Protein backbone atom coordinates (compact mmCIF):
# COMPACT_ATOMS: atom_id res chain seq x y z
CA MET A 1 0.00 0.00 0.00
CA ASP A 2 1.31 3.45 -0.94
CA PHE A 3 1.40 5.83 2.02
CA ASP A 4 3.29 8.59 0.19
CA PHE A 5 1.58 11.98 0.15
CA SER A 6 0.72 13.69 -3.11
CA ASP A 7 2.61 16.78 -4.26
CA ASP A 8 -0.30 18.99 -3.21
CA GLN A 9 -0.40 17.43 0.24
CA VAL A 10 3.36 17.87 0.68
CA SER A 11 3.09 21.52 -0.40
CA LEU A 12 0.26 22.05 2.08
CA ARG A 13 2.28 20.48 4.88
CA ASP A 14 5.34 22.57 4.06
CA ALA A 15 3.30 25.79 3.98
CA VAL A 16 1.90 25.11 7.45
CA ALA A 17 5.36 24.16 8.74
CA ARG A 18 6.83 27.43 7.42
CA TRP A 19 4.12 29.47 9.10
CA VAL A 20 4.68 27.66 12.40
CA ASP A 21 8.44 28.25 12.23
CA LYS A 22 8.10 31.95 11.38
CA GLY A 23 4.84 33.03 12.96
CA PHE A 24 4.16 30.87 16.00
CA SER A 25 7.20 30.60 18.23
CA PHE A 26 7.03 29.08 21.69
CA GLU A 27 7.44 32.55 23.15
CA ARG A 28 4.34 33.74 21.32
CA ARG A 29 2.34 30.73 22.36
CA HIS A 30 3.46 31.05 25.97
CA GLY A 31 2.45 34.70 25.97
CA ILE A 32 -1.00 33.86 24.59
CA ALA A 33 -1.47 31.16 27.24
CA LYS A 34 -0.40 33.48 30.08
CA ALA A 35 -2.82 36.14 28.78
CA GLY A 36 -5.78 33.73 29.01
CA GLY A 37 -5.51 31.68 25.82
CA ARG A 38 -7.54 33.77 23.37
CA THR A 39 -6.51 32.74 19.86
CA ARG A 40 -8.98 34.41 17.47
CA GLU A 41 -6.09 36.43 16.01
CA VAL A 42 -4.14 33.21 15.39
CA TYR A 43 -7.25 31.68 13.84
CA GLY A 44 -7.34 34.60 11.43
CA GLU A 45 -3.75 33.94 10.41
CA LEU A 46 -4.65 30.31 9.70
CA ALA A 47 -7.46 31.65 7.51
CA GLU A 48 -4.92 33.63 5.49
CA LEU A 49 -3.23 30.30 4.74
CA GLY A 50 -6.58 28.96 3.56
CA LEU A 51 -6.82 26.42 6.37
CA THR A 52 -10.25 27.49 7.63
CA ALA A 53 -11.59 26.77 4.13
CA LEU A 54 -9.96 23.35 4.00
CA THR A 55 -13.08 21.14 4.01
CA VAL A 56 -15.74 23.67 2.99
CA PRO A 57 -17.06 22.82 -0.51
CA ASP A 58 -15.56 24.94 -3.28
CA SER A 59 -19.10 25.94 -4.28
CA HIS A 60 -19.24 27.93 -1.03
CA GLY A 61 -15.80 29.53 -1.05
CA GLY A 62 -13.87 26.58 0.32
CA MET A 63 -11.09 24.33 -0.93
CA GLY A 64 -13.05 21.08 -0.85
CA PHE A 65 -10.18 18.99 0.51
CA GLY A 66 -10.63 15.69 2.31
CA PRO A 67 -9.53 13.89 5.49
CA VAL A 68 -5.92 13.26 4.41
CA GLU A 69 -5.25 16.96 3.85
CA ALA A 70 -6.83 17.70 7.23
CA MET A 71 -4.56 15.10 8.84
CA VAL A 72 -1.46 16.63 7.25
CA VAL A 73 -2.39 20.08 8.55
CA MET A 74 -3.27 18.93 12.06
CA GLU A 75 0.00 17.02 12.43
CA GLU A 76 2.01 20.14 11.60
CA LEU A 77 -0.08 22.28 13.94
CA GLY A 78 0.58 19.69 16.63
CA ARG A 79 4.32 20.01 16.12
CA GLY A 80 4.00 23.76 16.57
CA LEU A 81 1.61 23.39 19.52
CA VAL A 82 -0.81 25.78 17.85
CA ASN A 83 -3.77 26.15 20.19
CA ALA A 84 -6.27 27.75 17.79
CA PRO A 85 -9.57 25.79 17.38
CA LEU A 86 -9.03 24.74 13.76
CA ALA A 87 -10.38 21.20 14.17
CA GLN A 88 -13.59 22.46 15.78
CA GLY A 89 -14.15 25.46 13.54
CA ALA A 90 -12.87 24.32 10.14
CA LEU A 91 -13.21 20.53 10.15
CA MET A 92 -16.14 19.62 12.40
CA ALA A 93 -18.43 22.61 11.86
CA PRO A 94 -18.72 22.21 8.05
CA ALA A 95 -19.56 18.52 8.54
CA LEU A 96 -22.21 19.33 11.16
CA LEU A 97 -23.89 21.83 8.83
CA ALA A 98 -23.68 19.59 5.76
CA THR A 99 -27.06 17.96 6.36
CA GLY A 100 -28.79 21.26 7.12
CA PRO A 101 -31.11 23.24 4.85
CA ALA A 102 -29.54 25.01 1.87
CA GLU A 103 -30.16 28.49 3.29
CA LEU A 104 -28.25 27.61 6.45
CA LYS A 105 -25.26 26.35 4.48
CA ASP A 106 -25.38 29.33 2.14
CA ALA A 107 -25.28 31.65 5.13
CA TRP A 108 -22.60 29.95 7.24
CA TRP A 109 -20.24 27.92 5.04
CA PRO A 110 -18.71 31.04 3.39
CA GLN A 111 -18.26 32.66 6.81
CA ILE A 112 -16.52 29.53 8.10
CA ALA A 113 -14.29 29.46 5.04
CA ASP A 114 -13.02 33.02 5.44
CA ALA A 115 -13.01 32.85 9.26
CA SER A 116 -15.43 35.76 9.62
CA ALA A 117 -17.40 33.35 11.82
CA LEU A 118 -16.20 30.71 14.25
CA VAL A 119 -18.74 27.93 14.75
CA VAL A 120 -18.00 25.23 17.34
CA LEU A 121 -19.77 22.14 18.64
CA ALA A 122 -21.28 22.44 22.13
CA HIS A 123 -22.29 18.92 23.09
CA GLN A 124 -20.82 17.92 26.44
CA GLU A 125 -23.11 17.68 29.46
CA ARG A 126 -22.22 16.90 33.05
CA ALA A 127 -24.37 13.78 33.38
CA ALA A 128 -23.53 12.32 29.98
CA ARG A 129 -19.85 11.56 30.59
CA TYR A 130 -18.63 10.77 27.03
CA ARG A 131 -21.91 9.39 25.70
CA LEU A 132 -23.21 11.18 22.63
CA ASP A 133 -26.65 9.56 22.87
CA ARG A 134 -27.51 11.04 26.28
CA VAL A 135 -28.83 14.59 25.94
CA ALA A 136 -30.70 16.46 28.67
CA THR A 137 -30.85 19.79 26.80
CA ARG A 138 -34.39 20.33 25.47
CA ALA A 139 -35.63 21.84 22.21
CA VAL A 140 -39.21 23.08 21.84
CA ALA A 141 -40.92 24.07 18.60
CA GLN A 142 -42.18 27.62 18.88
CA GLY A 143 -43.47 30.10 16.33
CA GLY A 144 -42.10 28.29 13.29
CA GLY A 145 -38.70 27.89 14.93
CA TYR A 146 -37.21 26.36 18.06
CA THR A 147 -36.05 27.42 21.50
CA ILE A 148 -33.46 25.50 23.50
CA THR A 149 -32.92 25.17 27.24
CA GLY A 150 -29.94 23.46 28.82
CA VAL A 151 -26.29 23.69 29.82
CA LYS A 152 -23.26 22.60 27.77
CA SER A 153 -19.85 22.26 29.37
CA ILE A 154 -16.25 22.67 28.20
CA VAL A 155 -17.22 24.24 24.88
CA PRO A 156 -13.91 24.76 23.00
CA ALA A 157 -13.17 28.45 22.42
CA GLY A 158 -16.73 29.02 23.57
CA ASP A 159 -16.37 32.65 24.57
CA GLU A 160 -14.66 33.43 21.22
CA ALA A 161 -17.19 31.66 19.00
CA ASP A 162 -19.91 33.37 16.97
CA ALA A 163 -22.30 30.41 16.91
CA PHE A 164 -22.72 26.92 18.33
CA VAL A 165 -23.98 23.62 16.98
CA VAL A 166 -26.04 22.23 19.87
CA PRO A 167 -27.51 18.73 20.20
CA ALA A 168 -30.89 18.92 21.93
CA ASN A 169 -33.63 16.45 22.79
CA LEU A 170 -36.87 16.92 20.87
CA GLY A 171 -39.08 15.35 23.50
CA GLY A 172 -37.92 11.87 24.43
CA ALA A 173 -36.04 10.62 27.48
CA ASP A 174 -32.50 11.83 28.10
CA ASP A 175 -31.08 8.59 26.71
CA ASP A 176 -33.52 8.28 23.80
CA ASP A 177 -31.16 8.46 20.84
CA SER A 178 -34.03 8.71 18.35
CA GLY A 179 -35.08 12.12 19.60
CA ILE A 180 -31.83 14.06 19.23
CA GLY A 181 -31.75 17.03 16.88
CA LEU A 182 -28.94 19.40 15.94
CA PHE A 183 -29.47 23.15 16.13
CA LEU A 184 -27.49 26.26 15.30
CA VAL A 185 -27.53 28.83 18.10
CA GLU A 186 -25.98 32.23 17.51
CA ARG A 187 -24.02 33.77 20.35
CA SER A 188 -26.03 36.98 20.07
CA ALA A 189 -29.36 35.17 20.52
CA PRO A 190 -31.42 36.12 23.61
CA GLY A 191 -31.07 33.54 26.38
CA VAL A 192 -27.42 32.68 25.63
CA THR A 193 -24.99 33.05 28.53
CA LEU A 194 -21.28 32.19 28.43
CA ARG A 195 -18.68 31.80 31.15
CA GLY A 196 -15.22 31.46 29.64
CA TYR A 197 -12.06 30.18 31.29
CA PRO A 198 -8.54 29.07 30.31
CA THR A 199 -7.70 25.38 30.07
CA GLN A 200 -4.52 23.76 31.32
CA ASP A 201 -3.07 23.44 27.81
CA GLY A 202 -3.15 27.19 27.15
CA ALA A 203 -6.42 27.31 25.19
CA ARG A 204 -9.91 28.37 26.25
CA ALA A 205 -13.29 26.79 26.91
CA ALA A 206 -16.64 27.96 28.23
CA GLU A 207 -19.81 26.91 29.99
CA LEU A 208 -22.78 27.61 27.72
CA THR A 209 -26.16 28.18 29.35
CA LEU A 210 -29.24 28.32 27.15
CA ALA A 211 -32.52 29.63 28.54
CA ASN A 212 -35.20 29.46 25.84
CA ALA A 213 -32.57 30.55 23.34
CA SER A 214 -33.66 30.89 19.73
CA ALA A 215 -32.22 28.19 17.45
CA GLN A 216 -32.28 27.09 13.83
CA LEU A 217 -32.86 23.43 13.09
CA ILE A 218 -30.06 21.66 11.23
CA THR A 219 -31.44 18.13 11.29
CA THR A 220 -33.74 15.93 13.35
CA ASP A 221 -31.45 12.93 12.70
CA GLY A 222 -28.88 14.48 15.00
CA LEU A 223 -27.10 11.50 16.52
CA ALA A 224 -25.76 10.07 13.26
CA VAL A 225 -24.45 13.47 12.14
CA LEU A 226 -23.01 14.17 15.59
CA GLN A 227 -21.19 10.83 15.66
CA ALA A 228 -19.71 11.42 12.21
CA ALA A 229 -18.52 14.92 13.15
CA VAL A 230 -17.01 13.72 16.44
CA ASP A 231 -15.18 10.99 14.53
CA ILE A 232 -13.71 13.71 12.31
CA GLY A 233 -12.65 15.55 15.45
CA ILE A 234 -11.05 12.43 16.93
CA ALA A 235 -9.13 11.73 13.72
CA ALA A 236 -7.89 15.35 13.80
CA LEU A 237 -6.87 14.92 17.44
CA CYS A 238 -4.97 11.74 16.57
CA ALA A 239 -3.01 13.57 13.86
CA GLU A 240 -2.32 16.50 16.18
CA ALA A 241 -1.11 14.11 18.88
CA VAL A 242 1.37 12.53 16.46
CA GLY A 243 2.80 15.98 15.73
CA VAL A 244 2.99 16.79 19.45
CA MET A 245 4.73 13.51 20.25
CA ASP A 246 7.13 13.87 17.33
CA ARG A 247 8.22 17.28 18.51
CA LEU A 248 8.43 16.32 22.20
CA LEU A 249 10.63 13.37 21.24
CA ALA A 250 12.93 15.66 19.23
CA ILE A 251 13.15 18.13 22.14
CA THR A 252 14.03 15.30 24.51
CA VAL A 253 16.71 13.84 22.24
CA ASP A 254 18.26 17.28 21.83
CA TYR A 255 18.26 17.73 25.61
CA MET A 256 19.91 14.34 26.12
CA ASN A 257 22.61 15.21 23.60
CA THR A 258 23.55 18.38 25.50
CA ARG A 259 22.81 17.69 29.19
CA LYS A 260 25.75 16.12 31.01
CA GLN A 261 25.73 13.88 34.06
CA PHE A 262 28.81 12.29 35.63
CA GLY A 263 30.91 13.92 32.93
CA ALA A 264 28.99 12.40 30.00
CA THR A 265 25.91 13.37 28.01
CA LEU A 266 22.66 11.64 28.91
CA ALA A 267 22.51 10.22 25.39
CA SER A 268 25.63 8.16 26.07
CA PHE A 269 23.90 6.00 28.72
CA GLN A 270 22.61 2.79 27.18
CA ALA A 271 19.63 2.43 29.51
CA LEU A 272 18.36 5.89 28.53
CA ARG A 273 18.90 5.15 24.84
CA HIS A 274 16.70 2.08 25.24
CA ARG A 275 13.97 4.21 26.78
CA ILE A 276 14.13 6.63 23.85
CA ALA A 277 13.82 3.67 21.49
CA ASP A 278 10.63 2.63 23.31
CA VAL A 279 9.31 6.19 23.01
CA LYS A 280 10.01 6.18 19.28
CA MET A 281 8.12 2.89 18.89
CA GLN A 282 5.08 4.40 20.61
CA VAL A 283 5.19 7.44 18.33
CA GLU A 284 5.22 5.21 15.26
CA LEU A 285 2.35 3.08 16.62
CA ALA A 286 0.39 6.28 17.12
CA ARG A 287 1.24 7.48 13.60
CA SER A 288 0.02 4.26 11.99
CA MET A 289 -3.27 4.41 13.91
CA SER A 290 -3.70 8.07 13.00
CA TYR A 291 -3.43 7.12 9.34
CA TYR A 292 -5.86 4.27 9.94
CA ALA A 293 -8.43 6.55 11.58
CA THR A 294 -8.22 9.10 8.77
CA LEU A 295 -8.57 6.51 6.01
CA ARG A 296 -11.62 4.96 7.73
CA LEU A 297 -13.61 8.19 7.96
CA ALA A 298 -15.38 7.41 4.68
CA ASP A 299 -16.42 3.91 5.81
CA PRO A 300 -19.95 2.96 6.89
CA GLU A 301 -20.84 3.88 10.47
CA PRO A 302 -20.09 0.62 12.35
CA ARG A 303 -16.69 0.10 10.77
CA ARG A 304 -15.78 3.78 11.03
CA ARG A 305 -16.71 4.05 14.70
CA GLN A 306 -14.73 0.92 15.59
CA ALA A 307 -11.65 2.17 13.74
CA ILE A 308 -11.87 5.59 15.42
CA ALA A 309 -12.19 4.00 18.86
CA GLN A 310 -9.21 1.73 18.19
CA ALA A 311 -7.13 4.71 17.09
CA LYS A 312 -8.11 6.76 20.15
CA VAL A 313 -7.07 3.90 22.45
CA GLN A 314 -3.62 3.72 20.86
CA ILE A 315 -3.23 7.48 20.81
CA GLY A 316 -4.15 7.68 24.49
CA GLN A 317 -1.71 4.94 25.46
CA SER A 318 1.09 6.40 23.34
CA ALA A 319 0.47 9.95 24.55
CA ARG A 320 0.68 8.89 28.19
CA PHE A 321 3.84 6.82 27.65
CA VAL A 322 5.64 9.39 25.50
CA GLY A 323 4.70 12.29 27.74
CA GLN A 324 5.71 10.61 30.97
CA GLN A 325 8.96 9.18 29.64
CA CYS A 326 10.09 12.41 28.00
CA ILE A 327 9.34 14.48 31.08
CA GLN A 328 11.16 11.99 33.31
CA LEU A 329 14.20 12.03 31.03
CA HIS A 330 14.29 15.81 31.41
CA GLY A 331 14.12 15.74 35.19
CA GLY A 332 12.73 18.68 37.15
CA ILE A 333 13.07 21.22 34.34
CA GLY A 334 10.58 19.22 32.30
CA VAL A 335 7.62 20.34 34.44
CA THR A 336 8.48 24.04 34.70
CA ASP A 337 6.12 26.45 32.97
CA GLU A 338 8.98 28.32 31.31
CA TYR A 339 10.26 25.20 29.54
CA ILE A 340 8.70 24.08 26.28
CA ALA A 341 8.44 20.35 27.09
CA SER A 342 5.91 20.90 29.87
CA HIS A 343 3.48 22.52 27.42
CA TYR A 344 3.69 19.56 25.04
CA PHE A 345 3.02 17.25 27.97
CA LYS A 346 -0.04 19.28 29.00
CA ARG A 347 -1.43 19.17 25.47
CA LEU A 348 -0.98 15.39 25.31
CA THR A 349 -2.85 15.09 28.61
CA MET A 350 -5.76 17.12 27.21
CA ILE A 351 -5.83 15.15 23.95
CA GLU A 352 -6.11 11.89 25.89
CA MET A 353 -9.26 13.21 27.59
CA GLN A 354 -11.04 14.87 24.66
CA PHE A 355 -13.98 13.11 22.98
CA GLY A 356 -13.62 10.19 25.38
CA ASP A 357 -10.60 9.01 27.33
CA THR A 358 -8.69 5.79 26.70
CA LEU A 359 -10.83 3.72 29.06
CA HIS A 360 -14.04 4.92 27.39
CA HIS A 361 -12.82 4.01 23.92
CA LEU A 362 -11.45 0.70 25.14
CA GLY A 363 -15.02 -0.07 26.14
CA GLU A 364 -16.21 1.03 22.70
CA VAL A 365 -13.73 -1.32 21.04
CA SER A 366 -14.80 -4.16 23.34
CA ASP A 367 -18.50 -3.64 22.62
CA ARG A 368 -17.86 -3.80 18.90
CA MET A 369 -15.82 -7.00 19.18
CA GLN A 370 -18.43 -9.06 21.00
CA GLU A 371 -19.57 -10.86 17.88
CA THR A 372 -16.05 -12.08 17.09
CA ALA A 373 -14.42 -12.37 20.53
CA GLY A 374 -14.10 -15.57 22.54
CA ALA A 375 -14.60 -19.15 21.40
CA LEU A 376 -15.71 -20.02 17.90
CA VAL A 377 -19.43 -20.63 17.56
């Protein structure tokens, strides 16, 4: 099987890498994080590269690229530790709106493409854990439209977003997956309240409270669309994690080649070289599963969801191993806020928890293997 990237994909990767090297130094990122993590300006710079238009159809001002191009971009952004919400705003949001009415797409896809609007998914609820099919937020038909009441937690870049895609229950029980709809709620709508806060990885999130907030219906078949969009987000996270791990490994190797102990560099000790070899193996395992997740995004739902869960398990395991080993090889300096490695470690920790932690996705993999696991029947 040929895993080489096309010329266009290589050019795209190189363009992102050049921007990271010239425009997003660690000092800039650290300053943004210390100032609260607002990255709308950075998001605008990504728009100038065309990245916010990456998956928007060309009929609506986008580039019409697919999952592989998104993976290439996210891996490079991971290497640079770019904390702008590109995956949420440019990859997931277009997919969430794709099944909506034409007037909704005509209004929002061009704004997503040129970054004049940031649209993010607001789906997490306190009682739902990582389940997408448990929704307590309620939608009520009213006056030819809908109003929504509920609370969504840890909305990425929530207090910087212009609109939210909100899953809401259309009348069934909280765990009735047949009654979930998707709605677009504008930030300026009456009844919308936001409480923003910085996250430990230098980005931002918000609590979104909706009190009879006006909303536009995207689709009444919300769960299937939500699952597909979250899978896109997980595949993007996997690619980002590979970039983060790649760079953290390089930082650690460079440190070991310069730091001396007992009159010799750390890289000269065989036991430490073996540990770096183990780290490299975990990075490559993660890379292969990132490719696997991306290539399975076009598969039918059961196969796609299983592949995504398998990839997230490997990414979570690799991220934990790589992060812990690299920080330990640094010693005390590795956890200081002024040193770059600690920020890569924090991002890996956040990636492991987003869209379901390793244990959650291990359960997902197990559930989908029940028909083939155990003794032959």
